[in-house]
């Protein structure tokens, strides 16, 4: 387990020491910033021009006005490119430099290698989305009301949060240890118990948030983009295990990722309700967001697709490393 966590830390830190991570972060933040600016202009526009579901514009699912439709096509066209940049070096670089032989002979199993690399790239993918959380108070029209409701449970919640953060920082800096585990565990227990008891037993809360619009599309959209991102990352990781060139890994990942994007363009030529339309909807990620996630709905079919493809690609990646070990 120590070898796995060490590999996770190494792979995650590599995104901040090489150009690929910063390039992906820069392009992603520019793209999401432009979408937020477009969303804000539509929400404050006078007259009939506007947007019914703000999260549709933010996640590239709006069909009107035309500028929102173009922005959505751009968003999903570049989405596989960004995830491909995060995965192209994970195993392809190891194969290109020959360090894959050292990794395969280390006292760590193949599935642990794959899991560590996937967790690292998935963690950085979540970091890319963190700045977009600052857009939510505007998109959801949030209003905060602070109340002086300090009880034993709220105090436990406030004390447990810094303990949990301190334990995590100490773990990343100094590695595992009894003191690190103790502080982190105590913080996790204080946050869990204090938060649950405070928000279920106490009548007054420290912070009350109210949204001017339906908040359901917010959490369903972020849930969808989290699971869809895991699918694209697993696909890119599998491609990276097959080639030696990082550029080749990126290009193949982009092409395979477009398989789950381009079918959405057929919705204008297919008859709604037909077998072809339903098949297109099942594999088209942009359609999932346009019809369900950004409307505050959950459909089990996209969730099953994301989970199945993710697990299958990770399984194929493990098998790819095992085949190389047997050569």
C-alpha atoms as a PDB file:
ATOM      1  CA  UNK A   1       0.000   0.000   0.000  1.00  0.00           C
ATOM      2  CA  UNK A   2       2.886   2.372   0.733  1.00  0.00           C
ATOM      3  CA  UNK A   3       4.269   1.810  -2.773  1.00  0.00           C
ATOM      4  CA  UNK A   4       0.872   2.631  -4.268  1.00  0.00           C
ATOM      5  CA  UNK A   5       0.487   5.884  -2.337  1.00  0.00           C
ATOM      6  CA  UNK A   6       4.066   6.857  -3.245  1.00  0.00           C
ATOM      7  CA  UNK A   7       3.292   6.279  -6.922  1.00  0.00           C
ATOM      8  CA  UNK A   8       0.104   8.344  -6.632  1.00  0.00           C
ATOM      9  CA  UNK A   9       2.029  11.248  -5.087  1.00  0.00           C
ATOM     10  CA  UNK A  10       4.723  11.018  -7.762  1.00  0.00           C
ATOM     11  CA  UNK A  11       2.282  10.967 -10.663  1.00  0.00           C
ATOM     12  CA  UNK A  12       0.120  13.730  -9.202  1.00  0.00           C
ATOM     13  CA  UNK A  13       3.141  15.974  -8.550  1.00  0.00           C
ATOM     14  CA  UNK A  14       4.348  15.369 -12.120  1.00  0.00           C
ATOM     15  CA  UNK A  15       1.420  17.428 -13.430  1.00  0.00           C
ATOM     16  CA  UNK A  16       2.837  20.475 -11.652  1.00  0.00           C
ATOM     17  CA  UNK A  17       6.427  19.948 -12.820  1.00  0.00           C
ATOM     18  CA  UNK A  18       5.809  19.415 -16.545  1.00  0.00           C
ATOM     19  CA  UNK A  19       4.245  21.512 -19.309  1.00  0.00           C
ATOM     20  CA  UNK A  20       1.348  19.134 -20.097  1.00  0.00           C
ATOM     21  CA  UNK A  21      -0.479  19.767 -16.819  1.00  0.00           C
ATOM     22  CA  UNK A  22      -0.199  23.547 -17.064  1.00  0.00           C
ATOM     23  CA  UNK A  23      -1.201  23.524 -20.738  1.00  0.00           C
ATOM     24  CA  UNK A  24      -4.295  21.466 -19.958  1.00  0.00           C
ATOM     25  CA  UNK A  25      -5.146  23.702 -16.991  1.00  0.00           C
ATOM     26  CA  UNK A  26      -4.705  26.900 -18.993  1.00  0.00           C
ATOM     27  CA  UNK A  27      -6.830  25.715 -21.916  1.00  0.00           C
ATOM     28  CA  UNK A  28      -9.512  24.317 -19.636  1.00  0.00           C
ATOM     29  CA  UNK A  29      -9.797  27.452 -17.499  1.00  0.00           C
ATOM     30  CA  UNK A  30      -9.946  29.684 -20.578  1.00  0.00           C
ATOM     31  CA  UNK A  31     -12.703  27.529 -22.066  1.00  0.00           C
ATOM     32  CA  UNK A  32     -14.801  27.374 -18.881  1.00  0.00           C
ATOM     33  CA  UNK A  33     -14.216  31.090 -18.271  1.00  0.00           C
ATOM     34  CA  UNK A  34     -15.579  31.918 -21.722  1.00  0.00           C
ATOM     35  CA  UNK A  35     -18.607  29.709 -21.104  1.00  0.00           C
ATOM     36  CA  UNK A  36     -19.259  31.441 -17.777  1.00  0.00           C
ATOM     37  CA  UNK A  37     -18.951  34.853 -19.408  1.00  0.00           C
ATOM     38  CA  UNK A  38     -21.430  33.775 -22.090  1.00  0.00           C
ATOM     39  CA  UNK A  39     -23.756  32.414 -19.420  1.00  0.00           C
ATOM     40  CA  UNK A  40     -23.576  35.647 -17.445  1.00  0.00           C
ATOM     41  CA  UNK A  41     -24.340  37.759 -20.517  1.00  0.00           C
ATOM     42  CA  UNK A  42     -27.390  35.618 -21.328  1.00  0.00           C
ATOM     43  CA  UNK A  43     -28.681  35.750 -17.757  1.00  0.00           C
ATOM     44  CA  UNK A  44     -28.432  39.549 -17.648  1.00  0.00           C
ATOM     45  CA  UNK A  45     -29.520  40.212 -21.240  1.00  0.00           C
ATOM     46  CA  UNK A  46     -32.586  42.378 -21.661  1.00  0.00           C
ATOM     47  CA  UNK A  47     -35.361  41.253 -23.971  1.00  0.00           C
ATOM     48  CA  UNK A  48     -36.371  37.780 -25.182  1.00  0.00           C
ATOM     49  CA  UNK A  49     -32.802  36.477 -25.479  1.00  0.00           C
ATOM     50  CA  UNK A  50     -31.878  34.377 -22.476  1.00  0.00           C
ATOM     51  CA  UNK A  51     -31.294  30.878 -21.191  1.00  0.00           C
ATOM     52  CA  UNK A  52     -33.724  28.521 -19.472  1.00  0.00           C
ATOM     53  CA  UNK A  53     -31.126  26.258 -17.842  1.00  0.00           C
ATOM     54  CA  UNK A  54     -27.866  28.095 -16.972  1.00  0.00           C
ATOM     55  CA  UNK A  55     -25.977  24.829 -16.456  1.00  0.00           C
ATOM     56  CA  UNK A  56     -26.724  23.853 -20.058  1.00  0.00           C
ATOM     57  CA  UNK A  57     -24.609  26.752 -21.289  1.00  0.00           C
ATOM     58  CA  UNK A  58     -21.894  26.021 -18.738  1.00  0.00           C
ATOM     59  CA  UNK A  59     -21.654  22.375 -19.815  1.00  0.00           C
ATOM     60  CA  UNK A  60     -22.222  22.818 -23.521  1.00  0.00           C
ATOM     61  CA  UNK A  61     -25.809  21.627 -23.797  1.00  0.00           C
ATOM     62  CA  UNK A  62     -27.771  24.698 -24.890  1.00  0.00           C
ATOM     63  CA  UNK A  63     -29.227  24.900 -28.399  1.00  0.00           C
ATOM     64  CA  UNK A  64     -30.220  28.562 -28.401  1.00  0.00           C
ATOM     65  CA  UNK A  65     -29.053  31.186 -28.994  1.00  0.00           C
ATOM     66  CA  UNK A  66     -26.677  30.172 -31.764  1.00  0.00           C
ATOM     67  CA  UNK A  67     -23.627  31.404 -29.883  1.00  0.00           C
ATOM     68  CA  UNK A  68     -24.448  28.996 -27.028  1.00  0.00           C
ATOM     69  CA  UNK A  69     -24.780  26.127 -29.490  1.00  0.00           C
ATOM     70  CA  UNK A  70     -21.387  26.941 -31.024  1.00  0.00           C
ATOM     71  CA  UNK A  71     -19.833  27.191 -27.557  1.00  0.00           C
ATOM     72  CA  UNK A  72     -21.249  23.772 -26.681  1.00  0.00           C
ATOM     73  CA  UNK A  73     -19.770  22.178 -29.790  1.00  0.00           C
ATOM     74  CA  UNK A  74     -16.418  23.764 -28.944  1.00  0.00           C
ATOM     75  CA  UNK A  75     -16.596  22.565 -25.333  1.00  0.00           C
ATOM     76  CA  UNK A  76     -17.256  18.913 -26.166  1.00  0.00           C
ATOM     77  CA  UNK A  77     -14.902  18.968 -29.127  1.00  0.00           C
ATOM     78  CA  UNK A  78     -12.038  19.996 -26.844  1.00  0.00           C
ATOM     79  CA  UNK A  79     -13.062  17.872 -23.844  1.00  0.00           C
ATOM     80  CA  UNK A  80     -11.393  14.644 -25.146  1.00  0.00           C
ATOM     81  CA  UNK A  81      -8.330  16.710 -26.054  1.00  0.00           C
ATOM     82  CA  UNK A  82      -7.952  17.932 -22.463  1.00  0.00           C
ATOM     83  CA  UNK A  83      -8.411  14.483 -20.915  1.00  0.00           C
ATOM     84  CA  UNK A  84      -6.017  13.042 -23.504  1.00  0.00           C
ATOM     85  CA  UNK A  85      -3.355  15.534 -22.405  1.00  0.00           C
ATOM     86  CA  UNK A  86      -3.740  14.318 -18.829  1.00  0.00           C
ATOM     87  CA  UNK A  87      -3.232  10.651 -19.715  1.00  0.00           C
ATOM     88  CA  UNK A  88      -0.839  10.685 -22.675  1.00  0.00           C
ATOM     89  CA  UNK A  89       2.334  10.559 -20.579  1.00  0.00           C
ATOM     90  CA  UNK A  90       1.242   8.187 -17.829  1.00  0.00           C
ATOM     91  CA  UNK A  91       2.459   4.925 -19.402  1.00  0.00           C
ATOM     92  CA  UNK A  92       3.637   6.011 -22.865  1.00  0.00           C
ATOM     93  CA  UNK A  93       6.450   8.029 -21.277  1.00  0.00           C
ATOM     94  CA  UNK A  94       7.478   5.000 -19.222  1.00  0.00           C
ATOM     95  CA  UNK A  95       7.610   2.880 -22.351  1.00  0.00           C
ATOM     96  CA  UNK A  96       9.449   5.518 -24.378  1.00  0.00           C
ATOM     97  CA  UNK A  97      12.187   6.033 -21.787  1.00  0.00           C
ATOM     98  CA  UNK A  98      12.460   2.364 -20.825  1.00  0.00           C
ATOM     99  CA  UNK A  99      11.559   2.991 -17.192  1.00  0.00           C
ATOM    100  CA  UNK A 100       8.548   0.703 -17.608  1.00  0.00           C
ATOM    101  CA  UNK A 101      10.873  -2.259 -17.037  1.00  0.00           C
ATOM    102  CA  UNK A 102      11.899  -0.891 -13.637  1.00  0.00           C
ATOM    103  CA  UNK A 103       8.255  -0.280 -12.760  1.00  0.00           C
ATOM    104  CA  UNK A 104       7.197  -3.789 -13.742  1.00  0.00           C
ATOM    105  CA  UNK A 105       9.990  -5.365 -11.703  1.00  0.00           C
ATOM    106  CA  UNK A 106       9.206  -3.286  -8.605  1.00  0.00           C
ATOM    107  CA  UNK A 107       7.357  -4.938  -5.687  1.00  0.00           C
ATOM    108  CA  UNK A 108       3.985  -3.638  -6.843  1.00  0.00           C
ATOM    109  CA  UNK A 109       1.259  -5.385  -8.779  1.00  0.00           C
ATOM    110  CA  UNK A 110       0.030  -4.336 -12.202  1.00  0.00           C
ATOM    111  CA  UNK A 111      -3.429  -3.390 -10.976  1.00  0.00           C
ATOM    112  CA  UNK A 112      -1.843  -1.188  -8.314  1.00  0.00           C
ATOM    113  CA  UNK A 113       0.192   0.605 -10.977  1.00  0.00           C
ATOM    114  CA  UNK A 114      -2.914   1.211 -13.065  1.00  0.00           C
ATOM    115  CA  UNK A 115      -4.961   2.269 -10.045  1.00  0.00           C
ATOM    116  CA  UNK A 116      -2.269   4.694  -8.854  1.00  0.00           C
ATOM    117  CA  UNK A 117      -1.897   6.344 -12.242  1.00  0.00           C
ATOM    118  CA  UNK A 118      -5.651   6.580 -12.712  1.00  0.00           C
ATOM    119  CA  UNK A 119      -6.210   8.068  -9.243  1.00  0.00           C
ATOM    120  CA  UNK A 120      -3.469  10.639  -9.876  1.00  0.00           C
ATOM    121  CA  UNK A 121      -4.852  11.819 -13.218  1.00  0.00           C
ATOM    122  CA  UNK A 122      -8.424  11.733 -11.918  1.00  0.00           C
ATOM    123  CA  UNK A 123      -7.357  13.834  -8.919  1.00  0.00           C
ATOM    124  CA  UNK A 124      -5.784  16.438 -11.208  1.00  0.00           C
ATOM    125  CA  UNK A 125      -8.914  16.370 -13.364  1.00  0.00           C
ATOM    126  CA  UNK A 126     -10.969  17.280 -10.288  1.00  0.00           C
ATOM    127  CA  UNK A 127      -8.496  20.081  -9.533  1.00  0.00           C
ATOM    128  CA  UNK A 128      -9.283  21.540 -12.971  1.00  0.00           C
ATOM    129  CA  UNK A 129     -12.942  21.830 -12.004  1.00  0.00           C
ATOM    130  CA  UNK A 130     -12.341  23.408  -8.579  1.00  0.00           C
ATOM    131  CA  UNK A 131     -12.084  27.025  -9.866  1.00  0.00           C
ATOM    132  CA  UNK A 132     -15.487  26.647 -11.543  1.00  0.00           C
ATOM    133  CA  UNK A 133     -17.067  26.309  -8.093  1.00  0.00           C
ATOM    134  CA  UNK A 134     -16.624  30.076  -7.752  1.00  0.00           C
ATOM    135  CA  UNK A 135     -19.115  30.483 -10.602  1.00  0.00           C
ATOM    136  CA  UNK A 136     -21.900  28.655  -8.765  1.00  0.00           C
ATOM    137  CA  UNK A 137     -23.045  31.502  -6.463  1.00  0.00           C
ATOM    138  CA  UNK A 138     -23.824  33.523  -9.594  1.00  0.00           C
ATOM    139  CA  UNK A 139     -25.293  30.692 -11.666  1.00  0.00           C
ATOM    140  CA  UNK A 140     -27.515  29.427  -8.830  1.00  0.00           C
ATOM    141  CA  UNK A 141     -28.249  32.907  -7.401  1.00  0.00           C
ATOM    142  CA  UNK A 142     -27.115  31.803  -3.937  1.00  0.00           C
ATOM    143  CA  UNK A 143     -27.868  33.844  -0.823  1.00  0.00           C
ATOM    144  CA  UNK A 144     -26.040  33.116   2.444  1.00  0.00           C
ATOM    145  CA  UNK A 145     -27.433  33.779   5.909  1.00  0.00           C
ATOM    146  CA  UNK A 146     -25.105  33.404   8.883  1.00  0.00           C
ATOM    147  CA  UNK A 147     -26.655  32.514  12.237  1.00  0.00           C
ATOM    148  CA  UNK A 148     -24.948  32.519  15.675  1.00  0.00           C
ATOM    149  CA  UNK A 149     -25.883  28.895  16.349  1.00  0.00           C
ATOM    150  CA  UNK A 150     -22.826  27.532  18.155  1.00  0.00           C
ATOM    151  CA  UNK A 151     -23.447  24.191  19.850  1.00  0.00           C
ATOM    152  CA  UNK A 152     -21.208  21.329  20.833  1.00  0.00           C
ATOM    153  CA  UNK A 153     -21.803  19.767  17.403  1.00  0.00           C
ATOM    154  CA  UNK A 154     -21.033  22.926  15.435  1.00  0.00           C
ATOM    155  CA  UNK A 155     -17.840  23.408  17.476  1.00  0.00           C
ATOM    156  CA  UNK A 156     -16.817  19.799  16.696  1.00  0.00           C
ATOM    157  CA  UNK A 157     -17.437  20.481  13.008  1.00  0.00           C
ATOM    158  CA  UNK A 158     -15.348  23.673  13.042  1.00  0.00           C
ATOM    159  CA  UNK A 159     -12.491  22.026  14.974  1.00  0.00           C
ATOM    160  CA  UNK A 160     -12.514  18.838  12.888  1.00  0.00           C
ATOM    161  CA  UNK A 161     -12.113  20.571   9.526  1.00  0.00           C
ATOM    162  CA  UNK A 162      -8.611  22.028  10.178  1.00  0.00           C
ATOM    163  CA  UNK A 163      -7.550  18.747  11.804  1.00  0.00           C
ATOM    164  CA  UNK A 164      -8.598  16.840   8.695  1.00  0.00           C
ATOM    165  CA  UNK A 165      -6.761  19.279   6.423  1.00  0.00           C
ATOM    166  CA  UNK A 166      -3.653  19.196   8.643  1.00  0.00           C
ATOM    167  CA  UNK A 167      -3.612  15.404   8.585  1.00  0.00           C
ATOM    168  CA  UNK A 168      -3.871  15.373   4.792  1.00  0.00           C
ATOM    169  CA  UNK A 169      -1.036  17.895   4.402  1.00  0.00           C
ATOM    170  CA  UNK A 170       1.165  15.969   6.834  1.00  0.00           C
ATOM    171  CA  UNK A 171       0.465  12.739   4.944  1.00  0.00           C
ATOM    172  CA  UNK A 172       1.504  14.279   1.618  1.00  0.00           C
ATOM    173  CA  UNK A 173       4.609  15.883   3.129  1.00  0.00           C
ATOM    174  CA  UNK A 174       5.918  13.299   5.588  1.00  0.00           C
ATOM    175  CA  UNK A 175       4.179  10.118   4.488  1.00  0.00           C
ATOM    176  CA  UNK A 176       2.168   7.707   6.645  1.00  0.00           C
ATOM    177  CA  UNK A 177       2.623   7.627  10.400  1.00  0.00           C
ATOM    178  CA  UNK A 178       0.659   7.015  13.582  1.00  0.00           C
ATOM    179  CA  UNK A 179       0.429  10.717  14.418  1.00  0.00           C
ATOM    180  CA  UNK A 180      -0.662  11.573  10.884  1.00  0.00           C
ATOM    181  CA  UNK A 181      -3.299   8.872  10.851  1.00  0.00           C
ATOM    182  CA  UNK A 182      -4.470   9.871  14.343  1.00  0.00           C
ATOM    183  CA  UNK A 183      -4.939  13.557  13.507  1.00  0.00           C
ATOM    184  CA  UNK A 184      -6.627  12.779  10.203  1.00  0.00           C
ATOM    185  CA  UNK A 185      -8.906  10.143  11.721  1.00  0.00           C
ATOM    186  CA  UNK A 186      -9.875  12.382  14.632  1.00  0.00           C
ATOM    187  CA  UNK A 187     -10.658  15.206  12.227  1.00  0.00           C
ATOM    188  CA  UNK A 188     -12.724  12.934   9.981  1.00  0.00           C
ATOM    189  CA  UNK A 189     -14.739  11.638  12.951  1.00  0.00           C
ATOM    190  CA  UNK A 190     -15.306  15.154  14.310  1.00  0.00           C
ATOM    191  CA  UNK A 191     -16.438  16.449  10.913  1.00  0.00           C
ATOM    192  CA  UNK A 192     -18.703  13.474  10.224  1.00  0.00           C
ATOM    193  CA  UNK A 193     -20.360  13.259  13.638  1.00  0.00           C
ATOM    194  CA  UNK A 194     -20.450  17.003  14.269  1.00  0.00           C
ATOM    195  CA  UNK A 195     -21.789  17.805  10.810  1.00  0.00           C
ATOM    196  CA  UNK A 196     -24.441  15.091  10.907  1.00  0.00           C
ATOM    197  CA  UNK A 197     -25.664  15.943  14.397  1.00  0.00           C
ATOM    198  CA  UNK A 198     -25.596  19.681  13.763  1.00  0.00           C
ATOM    199  CA  UNK A 199     -27.581  19.616  10.547  1.00  0.00           C
ATOM    200  CA  UNK A 200     -30.070  16.984  11.719  1.00  0.00           C
ATOM    201  CA  UNK A 201     -30.568  17.756  15.423  1.00  0.00           C
ATOM    202  CA  UNK A 202     -30.025  21.529  15.776  1.00  0.00           C
ATOM    203  CA  UNK A 203     -32.851  23.829  14.724  1.00  0.00           C
ATOM    204  CA  UNK A 204     -30.528  26.685  13.722  1.00  0.00           C
ATOM    205  CA  UNK A 205     -27.588  26.224  11.394  1.00  0.00           C
ATOM    206  CA  UNK A 206     -24.385  28.226  11.260  1.00  0.00           C
ATOM    207  CA  UNK A 207     -24.886  28.894   7.554  1.00  0.00           C
ATOM    208  CA  UNK A 208     -28.106  28.724   5.571  1.00  0.00           C
ATOM    209  CA  UNK A 209     -27.870  28.821   1.777  1.00  0.00           C
ATOM    210  CA  UNK A 210     -30.860  29.546  -0.415  1.00  0.00           C
ATOM    211  CA  UNK A 211     -30.821  29.419  -4.209  1.00  0.00           C
ATOM    212  CA  UNK A 212     -32.808  31.721  -6.442  1.00  0.00           C
ATOM    213  CA  UNK A 213     -33.170  28.927  -9.007  1.00  0.00           C
ATOM    214  CA  UNK A 214     -33.492  25.146  -8.790  1.00  0.00           C
ATOM    215  CA  UNK A 215     -30.140  23.871  -7.380  1.00  0.00           C
ATOM    216  CA  UNK A 216     -30.624  20.295  -8.635  1.00  0.00           C
ATOM    217  CA  UNK A 217     -29.050  20.926 -12.087  1.00  0.00           C
ATOM    218  CA  UNK A 218     -25.874  22.058 -10.328  1.00  0.00           C
ATOM    219  CA  UNK A 219     -25.097  18.846  -8.478  1.00  0.00           C
ATOM    220  CA  UNK A 220     -26.377  16.563 -11.257  1.00  0.00           C
ATOM    221  CA  UNK A 221     -24.201  18.392 -13.812  1.00  0.00           C
ATOM    222  CA  UNK A 222     -21.092  18.075 -11.649  1.00  0.00           C
ATOM    223  CA  UNK A 223     -21.872  14.426 -10.944  1.00  0.00           C
ATOM    224  CA  UNK A 224     -22.197  13.787 -14.670  1.00  0.00           C
ATOM    225  CA  UNK A 225     -18.995  15.584 -15.615  1.00  0.00           C
ATOM    226  CA  UNK A 226     -17.123  13.719 -12.863  1.00  0.00           C
ATOM    227  CA  UNK A 227     -18.217  10.298 -14.096  1.00  0.00           C
ATOM    228  CA  UNK A 228     -17.845  11.206 -17.773  1.00  0.00           C
ATOM    229  CA  UNK A 229     -14.336  12.497 -17.073  1.00  0.00           C
ATOM    230  CA  UNK A 230     -13.451   9.204 -15.381  1.00  0.00           C
ATOM    231  CA  UNK A 231     -14.546   7.375 -18.536  1.00  0.00           C
ATOM    232  CA  UNK A 232     -12.442   9.539 -20.870  1.00  0.00           C
ATOM    233  CA  UNK A 233      -9.431   9.294 -18.545  1.00  0.00           C
ATOM    234  CA  UNK A 234      -9.663   5.499 -18.334  1.00  0.00           C
ATOM    235  CA  UNK A 235      -9.861   5.359 -22.131  1.00  0.00           C
ATOM    236  CA  UNK A 236      -6.799   7.574 -22.463  1.00  0.00           C
ATOM    237  CA  UNK A 237      -4.878   5.533 -19.892  1.00  0.00           C
ATOM    238  CA  UNK A 238      -5.527   2.365 -21.869  1.00  0.00           C
ATOM    239  CA  UNK A 239      -4.299   4.012 -25.074  1.00  0.00           C
ATOM    240  CA  UNK A 240      -1.194   5.252 -23.248  1.00  0.00           C
ATOM    241  CA  UNK A 241      -0.362   1.658 -22.293  1.00  0.00           C
ATOM    242  CA  UNK A 242      -0.295   0.591 -25.956  1.00  0.00           C
ATOM    243  CA  UNK A 243       2.070   3.143 -27.520  1.00  0.00           C
ATOM    244  CA  UNK A 244       5.460   4.686 -26.813  1.00  0.00           C
ATOM    245  CA  UNK A 245       4.880   8.181 -28.217  1.00  0.00           C
ATOM    246  CA  UNK A 246       3.017  10.684 -26.072  1.00  0.00           C
ATOM    247  CA  UNK A 247       1.821  12.556 -29.154  1.00  0.00           C
ATOM    248  CA  UNK A 248       0.477   9.355 -30.639  1.00  0.00           C
ATOM    249  CA  UNK A 249      -1.245   8.516 -27.361  1.00  0.00           C
ATOM    250  CA  UNK A 250      -2.884  11.954 -27.309  1.00  0.00           C
ATOM    251  CA  UNK A 251      -4.095  11.726 -30.902  1.00  0.00           C
ATOM    252  CA  UNK A 252      -5.542   8.218 -30.512  1.00  0.00           C
ATOM    253  CA  UNK A 253      -7.207   9.192 -27.226  1.00  0.00           C
ATOM    254  CA  UNK A 254      -8.751  12.213 -28.929  1.00  0.00           C
ATOM    255  CA  UNK A 255     -10.098  10.125 -31.826  1.00  0.00           C
ATOM    256  CA  UNK A 256     -11.539   7.454 -29.534  1.00  0.00           C
ATOM    257  CA  UNK A 257     -13.016  10.104 -27.257  1.00  0.00           C
ATOM    258  CA  UNK A 258     -14.821  11.675 -30.191  1.00  0.00           C
ATOM    259  CA  UNK A 259     -16.687   8.366 -30.590  1.00  0.00           C
ATOM    260  CA  UNK A 260     -18.652   9.408 -27.510  1.00  0.00           C
ATOM    261  CA  UNK A 261     -19.082  13.003 -28.724  1.00  0.00           C
ATOM    262  CA  UNK A 262     -19.775  13.087 -32.471  1.00  0.00           C
ATOM    263  CA  UNK A 263     -22.929  10.883 -32.483  1.00  0.00           C
ATOM    264  CA  UNK A 264     -24.743  13.799 -30.879  1.00  0.00           C
ATOM    265  CA  UNK A 265     -24.533  15.637 -34.215  1.00  0.00           C
ATOM    266  CA  UNK A 266     -26.965  13.074 -35.667  1.00  0.00           C
ATOM    267  CA  UNK A 267     -29.887  14.229 -33.526  1.00  0.00           C
ATOM    268  CA  UNK A 268     -30.922  16.708 -36.219  1.00  0.00           C
ATOM    269  CA  UNK A 269     -31.282  13.985 -38.865  1.00  0.00           C
ATOM    270  CA  UNK A 270     -32.724  11.157 -36.736  1.00  0.00           C
ATOM    271  CA  UNK A 271     -36.377  10.908 -35.860  1.00  0.00           C
ATOM    272  CA  UNK A 272     -36.988  11.273 -32.111  1.00  0.00           C
ATOM    273  CA  UNK A 273     -38.138   8.017 -30.569  1.00  0.00           C
ATOM    274  CA  UNK A 274     -36.608   5.839 -33.280  1.00  0.00           C
ATOM    275  CA  UNK A 275     -34.157   3.038 -32.558  1.00  0.00           C
ATOM    276  CA  UNK A 276     -31.317   5.011 -34.146  1.00  0.00           C
ATOM    277  CA  UNK A 277     -32.102   8.065 -32.026  1.00  0.00           C
ATOM    278  CA  UNK A 278     -32.107   6.040 -28.801  1.00  0.00           C
ATOM    279  CA  UNK A 279     -28.841   4.332 -29.776  1.00  0.00           C
ATOM    280  CA  UNK A 280     -27.305   7.727 -30.502  1.00  0.00           C
ATOM    281  CA  UNK A 281     -28.460   9.034 -27.122  1.00  0.00           C
ATOM    282  CA  UNK A 282     -26.974   6.054 -25.283  1.00  0.00           C
ATOM    283  CA  UNK A 283     -23.397   6.728 -26.503  1.00  0.00           C
ATOM    284  CA  UNK A 284     -23.466  10.515 -26.915  1.00  0.00           C
ATOM    285  CA  UNK A 285     -22.136  12.285 -23.822  1.00  0.00           C
ATOM    286  CA  UNK A 286     -23.234  15.800 -24.951  1.00  0.00           C
ATOM    287  CA  UNK A 287     -26.782  14.487 -25.332  1.00  0.00           C
ATOM    288  CA  UNK A 288     -26.682  13.145 -21.786  1.00  0.00           C
ATOM    289  CA  UNK A 289     -25.958  16.620 -20.495  1.00  0.00           C
ATOM    290  CA  UNK A 290     -28.410  18.363 -22.801  1.00  0.00           C
ATOM    291  CA  UNK A 291     -31.367  16.118 -21.920  1.00  0.00           C
ATOM    292  CA  UNK A 292     -30.764  15.059 -18.322  1.00  0.00           C
ATOM    293  CA  UNK A 293     -27.800  16.227 -16.226  1.00  0.00           C
ATOM    294  CA  UNK A 294     -28.112  19.980 -16.886  1.00  0.00           C
ATOM    295  CA  UNK A 295     -31.874  19.777 -16.269  1.00  0.00           C
ATOM    296  CA  UNK A 296     -31.469  18.328 -12.786  1.00  0.00           C
ATOM    297  CA  UNK A 297     -32.361  14.774 -13.821  1.00  0.00           C
ATOM    298  CA  UNK A 298     -30.469  11.487 -13.485  1.00  0.00           C
ATOM    299  CA  UNK A 299     -30.737   8.752 -16.088  1.00  0.00           C
ATOM    300  CA  UNK A 300     -29.263   5.364 -15.182  1.00  0.00           C
ATOM    301  CA  UNK A 301     -28.279   4.610 -18.791  1.00  0.00           C
ATOM    302  CA  UNK A 302     -25.454   7.217 -18.968  1.00  0.00           C
ATOM    303  CA  UNK A 303     -24.308   6.244 -15.476  1.00  0.00           C
ATOM    304  CA  UNK A 304     -24.092   2.583 -16.502  1.00  0.00           C
ATOM    305  CA  UNK A 305     -22.210   3.550 -19.678  1.00  0.00           C
ATOM    306  CA  UNK A 306     -19.633   5.650 -17.807  1.00  0.00           C
ATOM    307  CA  UNK A 307     -19.044   3.034 -15.111  1.00  0.00           C
ATOM    308  CA  UNK A 308     -18.860   0.139 -17.574  1.00  0.00           C
ATOM    309  CA  UNK A 309     -16.437   1.803 -19.992  1.00  0.00           C
ATOM    310  CA  UNK A 310     -14.261   3.044 -17.118  1.00  0.00           C
ATOM    311  CA  UNK A 311     -13.921  -0.366 -15.487  1.00  0.00           C
ATOM    312  CA  UNK A 312     -13.469  -2.130 -18.822  1.00  0.00           C
ATOM    313  CA  UNK A 313     -10.688   0.235 -19.952  1.00  0.00           C
ATOM    314  CA  UNK A 314      -8.916  -0.109 -16.603  1.00  0.00           C
ATOM    315  CA  UNK A 315      -9.174  -3.890 -16.932  1.00  0.00           C
ATOM    316  CA  UNK A 316      -7.692  -3.736 -20.434  1.00  0.00           C
ATOM    317  CA  UNK A 317      -4.872  -1.523 -19.164  1.00  0.00           C
ATOM    318  CA  UNK A 318      -3.996  -4.081 -16.495  1.00  0.00           C
ATOM    319  CA  UNK A 319      -4.037  -6.824 -19.102  1.00  0.00           C
ATOM    320  CA  UNK A 320      -1.786  -4.725 -21.353  1.00  0.00           C
ATOM    321  CA  UNK A 321       0.809  -4.408 -18.593  1.00  0.00           C
ATOM    322  CA  UNK A 322       0.548  -8.119 -17.796  1.00  0.00           C
ATOM    323  CA  UNK A 323       1.125  -8.987 -21.449  1.00  0.00           C
ATOM    324  CA  UNK A 324       4.246  -6.840 -21.500  1.00  0.00           C
ATOM    325  CA  UNK A 325       5.499  -8.469 -18.308  1.00  0.00           C
ATOM    326  CA  UNK A 326       5.214 -11.925 -19.914  1.00  0.00           C
ATOM    327  CA  UNK A 327       7.266 -10.974 -22.979  1.00  0.00           C
END
